[in-house]
Amino acid sequence: MNGVLLVAVVVIGLCFDFTNGFQDTANAIATSVSTRALSPRTAVIMAAGLNLAGAFLTTAVAKTVGKGIIDTGLANEKTVLAALLGAVCWNLIVWRLGLPSSSTHALIGGLIGAALVQSGSKGVEWHGFVHKVVFPALASPALGFAGAFVVLIAIYWLFRWARPDIANRGFRYAQIVSGGFVAFVHGANDSQKTMGVLTLALFESGHLSKFEVPVWVKIAAGLAIGLGTYAGGWRVIRTVGQRLYKIEPPSGYAAQAAAGGVLYVATHFGYPVSTTHTVSGAVMGAGATRRLSAVRWGVARTIVTGWLLTIPCAAAVAALLFYPVRWIF
């Protein structure tokens, strides 16, 4: 493998991880900032550190992304580079628009688009895509919605005699824990996607004899997503934290706790789910405990539209970029 091409894959992969961090900052900290449980700077620093720590939890998701989405026997380093470029471009577009789109699905769309151009439909592991991407993508926001709804109803019942000011103060402190948990599992799930594609490139180039994530890849991916988180995603924070539903400390805690639980289970089983989808679903579930009209469904429709467009649009961008990548390298 061309050494320059391998370096390009690693650099662009870490750039993707960086954009993942600032695109997904809102997922861990939007509710904590919106309810004033944490200042923006403190929340971002906490989330960045926990993103890095989460990168070392497991490698199950990395193996799914690296071996379960496209055919590793047909893919090569050019496929990976085009996929990463497509994902980065789409991340930048939706970040500029302030949409909480999925970096996970941008990368998966990029892999599919590049593989289709290179090898046709046989280049994609369709069974793995359906069972490890599509089904979890549908389930994670629904589980986040249901979980937040149930948790918040339980909170209202358990603390029905508490004074609102005291309850709000207590749940602001609780949000520090729940927000930290979301940041940790976000780092565990999302940084592994970059680990997976970088390990795939190293494996295809002959630098690895078997598909095992090297320690330096874990450290580099964790640092990149942590730095991206520190850079911040304030446009998306506003969408998730206030425009979707006016969050209060109890509802913020319920949304974070439910979303964190869903993400932890998905990471354990190796499903590359979208933190954005899961958290947005949980925020809507918390809002629905009052009345359905409490959720701004117009904003929710915009977010869902972004979700539906992400995989095909990222795939199209990666497919187009595959040709210049092949020509340059």
Protein backbone atom coordinates (compact mmCIF):
# COMPACT_ATOMS: atom_id res chain seq x y z
CA MET A 1 0.00 0.00 0.00
CA ASN A 2 1.11 3.50 -0.81
CA GLY A 3 2.52 4.97 2.43
CA VAL A 4 1.18 8.42 1.54
CA LEU A 5 -2.30 6.96 1.09
CA LEU A 6 -2.18 5.26 4.50
CA VAL A 7 -1.14 8.54 6.12
CA ALA A 8 -4.00 10.30 4.30
CA VAL A 9 -6.49 7.72 5.59
CA VAL A 10 -5.27 8.17 9.19
CA VAL A 11 -5.33 11.98 8.98
CA ILE A 12 -8.79 12.17 7.38
CA GLY A 13 -10.06 9.52 9.80
CA LEU A 14 -8.98 11.62 12.77
CA CYS A 15 -10.50 14.71 11.09
CA PHE A 16 -13.78 12.80 10.86
CA ASP A 17 -13.49 11.92 14.54
CA PHE A 18 -12.91 15.59 15.31
CA THR A 19 -16.02 16.65 13.35
CA ASN A 20 -17.91 13.86 15.12
CA GLY A 21 -16.92 15.43 18.42
CA PHE A 22 -18.06 18.95 17.68
CA GLN A 23 -21.15 17.75 15.81
CA ASP A 24 -22.19 15.55 18.74
CA THR A 25 -21.16 17.84 21.63
CA ALA A 26 -24.81 18.73 22.12
CA ASN A 27 -25.83 15.14 22.74
CA ALA A 28 -23.99 14.93 26.05
CA ILE A 29 -24.27 18.48 27.35
CA ALA A 30 -27.20 20.32 25.73
CA THR A 31 -29.68 19.53 28.48
CA SER A 32 -27.17 20.27 31.27
CA VAL A 33 -26.35 23.66 29.75
CA SER A 34 -29.98 24.50 28.98
CA THR A 35 -31.08 23.86 32.57
CA ARG A 36 -27.98 25.67 33.91
CA ALA A 37 -26.76 22.59 35.73
CA LEU A 38 -23.35 23.33 34.21
CA SER A 39 -21.76 26.32 32.54
CA PRO A 40 -21.00 25.75 28.85
CA ARG A 41 -17.23 25.73 29.39
CA THR A 42 -17.39 23.28 32.32
CA ALA A 43 -19.80 21.03 30.45
CA VAL A 44 -17.60 20.93 27.34
CA ILE A 45 -14.43 20.17 29.33
CA MET A 46 -16.19 17.39 31.23
CA ALA A 47 -17.64 15.90 28.06
CA ALA A 48 -14.28 16.03 26.26
CA GLY A 49 -12.49 14.19 29.06
CA LEU A 50 -15.18 11.52 29.33
CA ASN A 51 -15.25 11.08 25.55
CA LEU A 52 -11.56 10.21 25.73
CA ALA A 53 -12.09 7.82 28.65
CA GLY A 54 -14.97 6.07 26.88
CA ALA A 55 -12.76 5.24 23.90
CA PHE A 56 -11.09 2.50 25.96
CA LEU A 57 -14.29 0.73 27.10
CA THR A 58 -14.54 -1.93 24.37
CA THR A 59 -13.83 -2.59 20.68
CA ALA A 60 -17.09 -4.35 19.76
CA VAL A 61 -18.41 -1.42 17.72
CA ALA A 62 -15.04 -0.98 15.96
CA LYS A 63 -15.18 -4.58 14.75
CA THR A 64 -18.74 -4.14 13.48
CA VAL A 65 -17.83 -1.01 11.47
CA GLY A 66 -14.53 -2.42 10.23
CA LYS A 67 -15.76 -5.89 9.23
CA GLY A 68 -19.58 -5.92 9.17
CA ILE A 69 -20.67 -3.14 6.79
CA ILE A 70 -18.59 -3.61 3.62
CA ASP A 71 -16.77 -6.63 2.20
CA THR A 72 -13.20 -6.42 3.51
CA GLY A 73 -12.06 -8.78 0.77
CA LEU A 74 -13.03 -6.27 -1.91
CA ALA A 75 -12.46 -2.96 -0.12
CA ASN A 76 -9.11 -1.25 -0.03
CA GLU A 77 -7.54 1.89 1.37
CA LYS A 78 -9.03 4.05 -1.41
CA THR A 79 -12.50 2.87 -0.41
CA VAL A 80 -11.84 3.87 3.17
CA LEU A 81 -10.45 7.29 2.24
CA ALA A 82 -13.40 8.14 -0.04
CA ALA A 83 -15.82 7.00 2.70
CA LEU A 84 -14.14 9.20 5.31
CA LEU A 85 -14.09 12.24 3.00
CA GLY A 86 -17.78 11.80 2.25
CA ALA A 87 -18.61 11.56 5.96
CA VAL A 88 -16.54 14.63 6.84
CA CYS A 89 -18.17 16.71 4.10
CA TRP A 90 -21.67 15.74 5.21
CA ASN A 91 -20.83 16.42 8.86
CA LEU A 92 -19.67 19.93 7.96
CA ILE A 93 -22.81 20.62 5.92
CA VAL A 94 -25.26 19.63 8.67
CA TRP A 95 -23.16 21.36 11.34
CA ARG A 96 -23.35 24.58 9.32
CA LEU A 97 -27.13 24.19 9.15
CA GLY A 98 -27.35 23.45 12.88
CA LEU A 99 -29.02 20.07 12.40
CA PRO A 100 -28.28 17.30 14.94
CA SER A 101 -27.55 14.77 12.20
CA SER A 102 -25.81 11.46 12.81
CA SER A 103 -22.03 11.21 12.37
CA THR A 104 -22.46 7.46 12.72
CA HIS A 105 -24.74 7.24 9.72
CA ALA A 106 -22.58 9.68 7.77
CA LEU A 107 -19.65 7.28 8.10
CA ILE A 108 -21.74 4.22 7.31
CA GLY A 109 -23.25 6.01 4.30
CA GLY A 110 -19.74 6.94 3.17
CA LEU A 111 -18.58 3.33 3.42
CA ILE A 112 -21.58 2.10 1.44
CA GLY A 113 -21.25 4.75 -1.27
CA ALA A 114 -17.54 4.15 -1.81
CA ALA A 115 -17.97 0.35 -1.77
CA LEU A 116 -20.81 0.50 -4.31
CA VAL A 117 -18.76 2.54 -6.75
CA GLN A 118 -15.72 0.32 -6.35
CA SER A 119 -17.30 -3.16 -6.34
CA GLY A 120 -21.02 -2.81 -7.03
CA SER A 121 -23.68 -4.20 -4.72
CA LYS A 122 -21.48 -7.17 -3.78
CA GLY A 123 -19.13 -4.74 -2.02
CA VAL A 124 -21.70 -4.12 0.73
CA GLU A 125 -22.55 -6.61 3.49
CA TRP A 126 -26.30 -5.98 3.23
CA HIS A 127 -27.21 -8.45 5.96
CA GLY A 128 -24.87 -6.74 8.41
CA PHE A 129 -26.12 -3.31 7.33
CA VAL A 130 -29.77 -4.21 7.95
CA HIS A 131 -29.28 -6.06 11.23
CA LYS A 132 -26.55 -3.95 12.80
CA VAL A 133 -27.41 -0.50 11.42
CA VAL A 134 -31.01 -0.21 10.21
CA PHE A 135 -32.73 -2.10 13.04
CA PRO A 136 -30.75 -0.36 15.81
CA ALA A 137 -31.30 2.99 14.07
CA LEU A 138 -35.05 2.48 14.31
CA ALA A 139 -34.96 1.04 17.82
CA SER A 140 -32.60 3.47 19.57
CA PRO A 141 -34.71 6.68 19.35
CA ALA A 142 -37.87 4.71 20.16
CA LEU A 143 -36.22 3.17 23.24
CA GLY A 144 -34.85 6.58 24.22
CA PHE A 145 -38.34 8.09 23.90
CA ALA A 146 -40.00 5.33 25.92
CA GLY A 147 -37.24 5.23 28.54
CA ALA A 148 -37.29 8.98 29.17
CA PHE A 149 -41.09 8.98 29.33
CA VAL A 150 -41.15 6.21 31.96
CA VAL A 151 -38.25 7.65 34.00
CA LEU A 152 -39.80 11.12 34.12
CA ILE A 153 -43.24 9.78 35.09
CA ALA A 154 -41.53 7.87 37.92
CA ILE A 155 -39.67 11.02 39.01
CA TYR A 156 -42.89 13.06 39.09
CA TRP A 157 -44.57 10.37 41.20
CA LEU A 158 -41.67 9.82 43.62
CA PHE A 159 -41.08 13.54 44.16
CA ARG A 160 -44.69 14.71 43.97
CA TRP A 161 -44.49 16.24 47.47
CA ALA A 162 -41.13 17.95 46.96
CA ARG A 163 -40.95 21.72 46.61
CA PRO A 164 -40.21 22.59 42.96
CA ASP A 165 -37.18 24.76 43.80
CA ILE A 166 -35.58 22.02 45.93
CA ALA A 167 -36.35 19.31 43.34
CA ASN A 168 -34.90 21.40 40.53
CA ARG A 169 -31.74 22.07 42.50
CA GLY A 170 -31.29 18.37 43.23
CA PHE A 171 -31.80 17.32 39.63
CA ARG A 172 -29.33 19.93 38.42
CA TYR A 173 -26.70 18.07 40.45
CA ALA A 174 -28.02 14.74 39.18
CA GLN A 175 -27.63 16.01 35.63
CA ILE A 176 -23.90 16.31 36.13
CA VAL A 177 -23.80 12.53 36.63
CA SER A 178 -26.24 11.68 33.84
CA GLY A 179 -24.57 14.08 31.40
CA GLY A 180 -21.19 12.59 32.23
CA PHE A 181 -22.59 9.12 31.61
CA VAL A 182 -23.86 10.14 28.15
CA ALA A 183 -20.47 11.70 27.34
CA PHE A 184 -18.68 8.51 28.40
CA VAL A 185 -20.83 6.13 26.34
CA HIS A 186 -20.77 8.58 23.43
CA GLY A 187 -16.97 8.33 23.46
CA ALA A 188 -17.22 4.55 23.75
CA ASN A 189 -19.61 4.14 20.81
CA ASP A 190 -18.63 6.94 18.45
CA SER A 191 -14.84 6.91 18.69
CA GLN A 192 -14.90 3.20 17.87
CA LYS A 193 -16.30 3.92 14.43
CA THR A 194 -13.10 5.72 13.51
CA MET A 195 -11.08 2.99 15.20
CA GLY A 196 -12.86 0.47 12.99
CA VAL A 197 -12.09 2.15 9.67
CA LEU A 198 -8.49 2.96 10.63
CA THR A 199 -7.93 -0.65 11.70
CA LEU A 200 -9.50 -1.79 8.42
CA ALA A 201 -7.02 0.37 6.48
CA LEU A 202 -4.09 -0.97 8.51
CA PHE A 203 -5.30 -4.55 8.04
CA GLU A 204 -5.79 -4.15 4.27
CA SER A 205 -2.32 -2.61 3.94
CA GLY A 206 -0.65 -5.55 5.67
CA HIS A 207 0.39 -3.57 8.75
CA LEU A 208 -1.79 -5.84 10.91
CA SER A 209 -1.88 -9.63 10.68
CA LYS A 210 -5.38 -9.78 12.23
CA PHE A 211 -8.20 -7.34 12.84
CA GLU A 212 -7.31 -6.05 16.31
CA VAL A 213 -7.45 -2.35 17.22
CA PRO A 214 -3.92 -1.11 18.14
CA VAL A 215 -3.51 0.92 21.32
CA TRP A 216 -2.24 3.96 19.41
CA VAL A 217 -5.43 3.96 17.31
CA LYS A 218 -7.55 3.96 20.48
CA ILE A 219 -5.56 6.86 21.93
CA ALA A 220 -5.61 8.87 18.69
CA ALA A 221 -9.36 8.35 18.14
CA GLY A 222 -10.16 9.22 21.75
CA LEU A 223 -8.07 12.40 21.62
CA ALA A 224 -9.59 13.48 18.30
CA ILE A 225 -13.18 13.11 19.46
CA GLY A 226 -12.33 14.75 22.78
CA LEU A 227 -10.75 17.75 21.05
CA GLY A 228 -13.73 17.99 18.72
CA THR A 229 -16.05 18.01 21.69
CA TYR A 230 -14.01 20.76 23.31
CA ALA A 231 -14.28 22.80 20.09
CA GLY A 232 -18.01 22.69 20.69
CA GLY A 233 -21.23 22.43 18.71
CA TRP A 234 -23.22 25.38 19.97
CA ARG A 235 -25.56 25.51 16.98
CA VAL A 236 -26.70 21.96 17.67
CA ILE A 237 -26.89 22.56 21.44
CA ARG A 238 -29.56 25.16 20.83
CA THR A 239 -31.62 22.80 18.64
CA VAL A 240 -31.54 19.85 21.07
CA GLY A 241 -31.50 21.87 24.28
CA GLN A 242 -34.28 24.38 23.72
CA ARG A 243 -35.91 24.41 20.30
CA LEU A 244 -37.07 20.79 20.46
CA TYR A 245 -38.60 21.09 23.95
CA LYS A 246 -38.08 23.52 26.82
CA ILE A 247 -36.11 21.35 29.21
CA GLU A 248 -36.21 21.54 33.01
CA PRO A 249 -33.80 19.73 35.38
CA PRO A 250 -36.00 16.63 36.03
CA SER A 251 -36.74 16.17 32.32
CA GLY A 252 -33.09 16.80 31.44
CA TYR A 253 -32.00 14.11 33.88
CA ALA A 254 -34.62 11.65 32.59
CA ALA A 255 -33.59 12.21 28.97
CA GLN A 256 -29.89 11.79 29.70
CA ALA A 257 -30.36 8.73 31.91
CA ALA A 258 -32.55 6.98 29.34
CA ALA A 259 -30.30 7.84 26.40
CA GLY A 260 -27.17 6.81 28.28
CA GLY A 261 -28.70 3.45 29.14
CA VAL A 262 -29.66 2.74 25.52
CA LEU A 263 -26.20 3.74 24.28
CA TYR A 264 -24.43 1.58 26.86
CA VAL A 265 -26.39 -1.53 25.87
CA ALA A 266 -25.84 -0.86 22.16
CA THR A 267 -22.09 -0.40 22.71
CA HIS A 268 -21.90 -3.63 24.70
CA PHE A 269 -23.46 -5.60 21.82
CA GLY A 270 -21.42 -3.83 19.13
CA TYR A 271 -24.19 -1.79 17.49
CA PRO A 272 -22.96 1.50 15.96
CA VAL A 273 -26.04 3.52 16.93
CA SER A 274 -26.49 7.25 16.62
CA THR A 275 -26.07 9.25 19.81
CA THR A 276 -27.95 12.08 18.12
CA HIS A 277 -30.97 9.91 17.33
CA THR A 278 -31.05 8.42 20.80
CA VAL A 279 -30.75 11.68 22.72
CA SER A 280 -33.25 13.51 20.49
CA GLY A 281 -35.73 10.67 20.95
CA ALA A 282 -35.24 10.81 24.72
CA VAL A 283 -35.77 14.59 24.80
CA MET A 284 -39.03 14.16 22.89
CA GLY A 285 -40.08 11.38 25.27
CA ALA A 286 -39.49 13.64 28.26
CA GLY A 287 -41.49 16.42 26.61
CA ALA A 288 -44.39 14.09 25.84
CA THR A 289 -44.98 13.41 29.56
CA ARG A 290 -46.72 16.77 29.84
CA ARG A 291 -48.65 16.75 26.60
CA LEU A 292 -47.81 15.95 23.02
CA SER A 293 -48.05 19.61 22.10
CA ALA A 294 -45.16 20.39 24.49
CA VAL A 295 -42.80 18.96 21.87
CA ARG A 296 -42.16 21.27 18.94
CA TRP A 297 -42.96 18.69 16.29
CA GLY A 298 -42.00 21.02 13.44
CA VAL A 299 -38.42 21.04 14.72
CA ALA A 300 -38.65 17.29 15.29
CA ARG A 301 -39.70 16.79 11.65
CA THR A 302 -36.67 18.79 10.51
CA ILE A 303 -34.41 16.57 12.61
CA VAL A 304 -36.02 13.38 11.26
CA THR A 305 -35.55 14.68 7.72
CA GLY A 306 -31.85 15.11 8.48
CA TRP A 307 -31.73 11.55 9.77
CA LEU A 308 -33.34 10.15 6.61
CA LEU A 309 -31.05 12.10 4.31
CA THR A 310 -27.77 11.31 6.05
CA ILE A 311 -26.95 7.80 4.75
CA PRO A 312 -27.94 8.39 1.10
CA CYS A 313 -26.37 11.87 0.96
CA ALA A 314 -23.11 10.81 2.60
CA ALA A 315 -23.07 7.78 0.30
CA ALA A 316 -23.52 10.01 -2.76
CA VAL A 317 -20.72 12.36 -1.69
CA ALA A 318 -18.35 9.44 -1.00
CA ALA A 319 -19.25 7.85 -4.34
CA LEU A 320 -18.37 11.07 -6.17
CA LEU A 321 -15.13 11.48 -4.23
CA PHE A 322 -14.01 7.93 -4.97
CA TYR A 323 -13.04 8.93 -8.53
CA PRO A 324 -10.61 11.74 -7.61
CA VAL A 325 -9.21 9.58 -4.80
CA ARG A 326 -8.52 6.77 -7.28
CA TRP A 327 -7.02 9.22 -9.75
CA ILE A 328 -4.71 10.88 -7.16
CA PHE A 329 -3.53 7.65 -5.55
